[in-house]
Amino acid sequence: MSQEFAKIDSENRVKSTHVVGDADCQDENGDISEAVGVAYLTKIHGHSAWKQITAARGRCGKMFHYSPSFDLFYIPQPYPSWTLDEAAGKWISPISFPTNLEYSYTVDNPEDEDHGSTVTAIHFPEWDETNQRWFSYKNIYPESKKDPQTAINVWNPDTSAWDLTDL
């Protein structure tokens, strides 16, 4: 087996990750020790700021950040308007993520074997930094599944619903 460690810079950014064999992380009792792994990596690389990547600290990769206060990793800021909840290790958008992701439509093409049936589909929200909103593309089939139009829907947090904005 092996252990994974993150190399941390002076701004608490992850510069790289390194795998260390268990034998190089074991203390005198044979238990895996972060301190022993850090000492091993420091000896090899001459850099002393390392953190073991564990499930409790969250996922980690190059350019992630490390919070010494909360002892966890978090992703780089995805958008300038988002704020960090450092205790949770995640970024929060100015508008909460949509709570209603499903929508239904009726297949209205008489040539379609599913004509008249109701189909449930899912929105895949994306953040629009310019307009500070969540939006989703949704295919609309006016007469035939062969010729869909793309609708842009915007999440309305006041009504907890998607508003059609563009076809």
Protein backbone atom coordinates (compact mmCIF):
# COMPACT_ATOMS: atom_id res chain seq x y z
CA MET A 1 0.00 0.00 0.00
CA SER A 2 0.97 3.65 -0.10
CA GLN A 3 0.06 7.04 1.30
CA GLU A 4 -0.45 10.28 -0.58
CA PHE A 5 0.92 13.64 0.54
CA ALA A 6 0.38 17.20 -0.67
CA LYS A 7 3.29 19.63 -1.01
CA ILE A 8 2.06 22.97 0.39
CA ASP A 9 3.53 26.39 -0.53
CA SER A 10 3.74 29.52 1.64
CA GLU A 11 0.23 30.59 0.54
CA ASN A 12 -1.25 27.18 1.50
CA ARG A 13 -1.69 26.10 -2.11
CA VAL A 14 -1.03 22.53 -3.14
CA LYS A 15 1.95 22.56 -5.50
CA SER A 16 2.01 18.81 -6.16
CA THR A 17 1.06 15.46 -4.69
CA HIS A 18 3.44 12.61 -3.93
CA VAL A 19 2.93 8.94 -3.17
CA VAL A 20 4.99 7.40 -0.38
CA GLY A 21 5.18 3.68 0.33
CA ASP A 22 3.75 2.55 3.66
CA ALA A 23 7.19 1.38 4.80
CA ASP A 24 8.41 4.98 4.62
CA CYS A 25 5.47 6.21 6.73
CA GLN A 26 5.57 3.69 9.58
CA ASP A 27 6.52 4.60 13.11
CA GLU A 28 8.40 2.32 15.54
CA ASN A 29 5.15 0.39 16.21
CA GLY A 30 4.49 -0.22 12.51
CA ASP A 31 1.58 2.26 12.40
CA ILE A 32 1.19 4.76 9.55
CA SER A 33 2.35 8.16 10.79
CA GLU A 34 1.94 11.46 8.99
CA ALA A 35 4.98 12.84 10.84
CA VAL A 36 7.18 9.98 9.62
CA GLY A 37 5.94 10.45 6.06
CA VAL A 38 6.61 14.21 6.26
CA ALA A 39 10.11 13.58 7.61
CA TYR A 40 10.78 11.16 4.74
CA LEU A 41 9.58 13.65 2.09
CA THR A 42 11.48 16.53 3.72
CA LYS A 43 14.69 14.49 3.62
CA ILE A 44 14.22 13.67 -0.08
CA HIS A 45 12.89 17.01 -1.35
CA GLY A 46 14.22 19.54 1.15
CA HIS A 47 10.73 21.00 1.51
CA SER A 48 9.07 20.67 4.92
CA ALA A 49 5.43 21.73 4.38
CA TRP A 50 3.53 18.51 3.62
CA LYS A 51 0.08 17.25 4.55
CA GLN A 52 -1.14 13.71 4.23
CA ILE A 53 -4.20 13.45 1.99
CA THR A 54 -6.95 11.69 3.92
CA ALA A 55 -10.70 11.27 3.53
CA ALA A 56 -11.24 13.53 6.57
CA ARG A 57 -9.30 16.35 4.87
CA GLY A 58 -11.22 15.99 1.62
CA ARG A 59 -10.10 15.47 -1.91
CA CYS A 60 -6.95 17.16 -3.08
CA GLY A 61 -5.09 18.03 -6.26
CA LYS A 62 -2.64 20.49 -7.68
CA MET A 63 -3.64 24.14 -6.99
CA PHE A 64 -6.13 23.12 -4.30
CA HIS A 65 -5.80 25.08 -1.06
CA TYR A 66 -5.13 23.82 2.45
CA SER A 67 -6.82 25.39 5.48
CA PRO A 68 -4.58 25.11 8.54
CA SER A 69 -7.42 26.41 10.73
CA PHE A 70 -9.77 23.61 9.74
CA ASP A 71 -7.20 21.02 8.61
CA LEU A 72 -8.78 20.37 5.22
CA PHE A 73 -8.29 20.86 1.49
CA TYR A 74 -10.60 22.80 -0.79
CA ILE A 75 -10.73 23.57 -4.51
CA PRO A 76 -9.58 26.92 -5.95
CA GLN A 77 -12.23 29.64 -6.09
CA PRO A 78 -14.47 28.75 -9.07
CA TYR A 79 -15.84 32.28 -9.61
CA PRO A 80 -14.92 35.72 -8.21
CA SER A 81 -18.37 36.19 -6.64
CA TRP A 82 -18.26 32.96 -4.62
CA THR A 83 -17.25 33.03 -0.95
CA LEU A 84 -15.45 30.35 0.99
CA ASP A 85 -17.07 28.46 3.84
CA GLU A 86 -13.71 27.46 5.22
CA ALA A 87 -15.18 25.25 7.96
CA ALA A 88 -16.95 23.14 5.32
CA GLY A 89 -14.13 23.42 2.80
CA LYS A 90 -16.39 24.57 -0.01
CA TRP A 91 -17.26 27.65 -2.02
CA ILE A 92 -20.72 29.17 -1.77
CA SER A 93 -22.42 30.87 -4.71
CA PRO A 94 -24.31 34.17 -4.16
CA ILE A 95 -27.50 32.39 -5.17
CA SER A 96 -28.14 28.98 -3.61
CA PHE A 97 -27.91 25.97 -5.90
CA PRO A 98 -31.31 25.12 -7.42
CA THR A 99 -33.41 22.74 -5.37
CA ASN A 100 -35.72 21.65 -8.18
CA LEU A 101 -33.82 19.82 -10.90
CA GLU A 102 -36.58 17.76 -12.53
CA TYR A 103 -38.96 18.84 -15.24
CA SER A 104 -41.56 16.98 -17.26
CA TYR A 105 -42.72 17.26 -20.80
CA THR A 106 -45.24 15.43 -22.97
CA VAL A 107 -44.12 13.74 -26.16
CA ASP A 108 -46.39 15.32 -28.75
CA ASN A 109 -45.13 13.84 -31.99
CA PRO A 110 -47.83 11.50 -33.40
CA GLU A 111 -45.12 9.52 -35.22
CA ASP A 112 -43.26 8.79 -31.99
CA GLU A 113 -44.07 5.51 -30.25
CA ASP A 114 -44.09 7.44 -26.94
CA HIS A 115 -46.63 9.98 -28.25
CA GLY A 116 -48.78 11.31 -25.41
CA SER A 117 -46.55 10.01 -22.64
CA THR A 118 -44.97 12.23 -20.02
CA VAL A 119 -41.20 12.13 -19.69
CA THR A 120 -39.20 13.35 -16.69
CA ALA A 121 -35.86 14.99 -17.40
CA ILE A 122 -33.23 16.77 -15.31
CA HIS A 123 -31.75 20.24 -15.39
CA PHE A 124 -27.94 20.43 -15.21
CA PRO A 125 -27.39 23.89 -13.70
CA GLU A 126 -24.41 26.03 -14.66
CA TRP A 127 -23.30 29.25 -12.99
CA ASP A 128 -23.51 32.48 -15.01
CA GLU A 129 -20.96 34.80 -13.37
CA THR A 130 -21.85 37.80 -15.55
CA ASN A 131 -25.52 37.76 -14.60
CA GLN A 132 -25.09 36.20 -11.14
CA ARG A 133 -27.56 33.36 -11.71
CA TRP A 134 -27.96 29.65 -12.32
CA PHE A 135 -29.10 28.61 -15.77
CA SER A 136 -29.81 25.37 -17.56
CA TYR A 137 -30.18 24.34 -21.16
CA LYS A 138 -33.28 22.32 -21.93
CA ASN A 139 -34.26 20.74 -25.22
CA ILE A 140 -37.79 21.42 -26.34
CA TYR A 141 -39.32 19.22 -28.99
CA PRO A 142 -42.01 21.31 -30.67
CA GLU A 143 -43.07 18.73 -33.25
CA SER A 144 -40.38 16.13 -33.62
CA LYS A 145 -37.59 14.68 -31.52
CA LYS A 146 -35.45 15.04 -34.62
CA ASP A 147 -35.55 18.83 -34.52
CA PRO A 148 -35.22 20.07 -30.93
CA GLN A 149 -34.83 23.70 -29.97
CA THR A 150 -32.66 24.67 -27.04
CA ALA A 151 -34.27 26.72 -24.32
CA ILE A 152 -32.35 28.62 -21.68
CA ASN A 153 -33.94 28.45 -18.27
CA VAL A 154 -32.93 30.60 -15.32
CA TRP A 155 -33.38 29.55 -11.72
CA ASN A 156 -35.68 31.89 -9.80
CA PRO A 157 -34.83 31.53 -6.09
CA ASP A 158 -37.94 33.53 -5.09
CA THR A 159 -40.31 31.00 -6.65
CA SER A 160 -38.01 27.94 -6.53
CA ALA A 161 -38.78 27.38 -10.19
CA TRP A 162 -37.10 27.61 -13.57
CA ASP A 163 -38.11 30.52 -15.80
CA LEU A 164 -37.90 30.11 -19.58
CA THR A 165 -35.81 33.01 -20.91
CA ASP A 166 -34.76 32.18 -24.47
CA LEU A 167 -35.51 29.85 -27.37
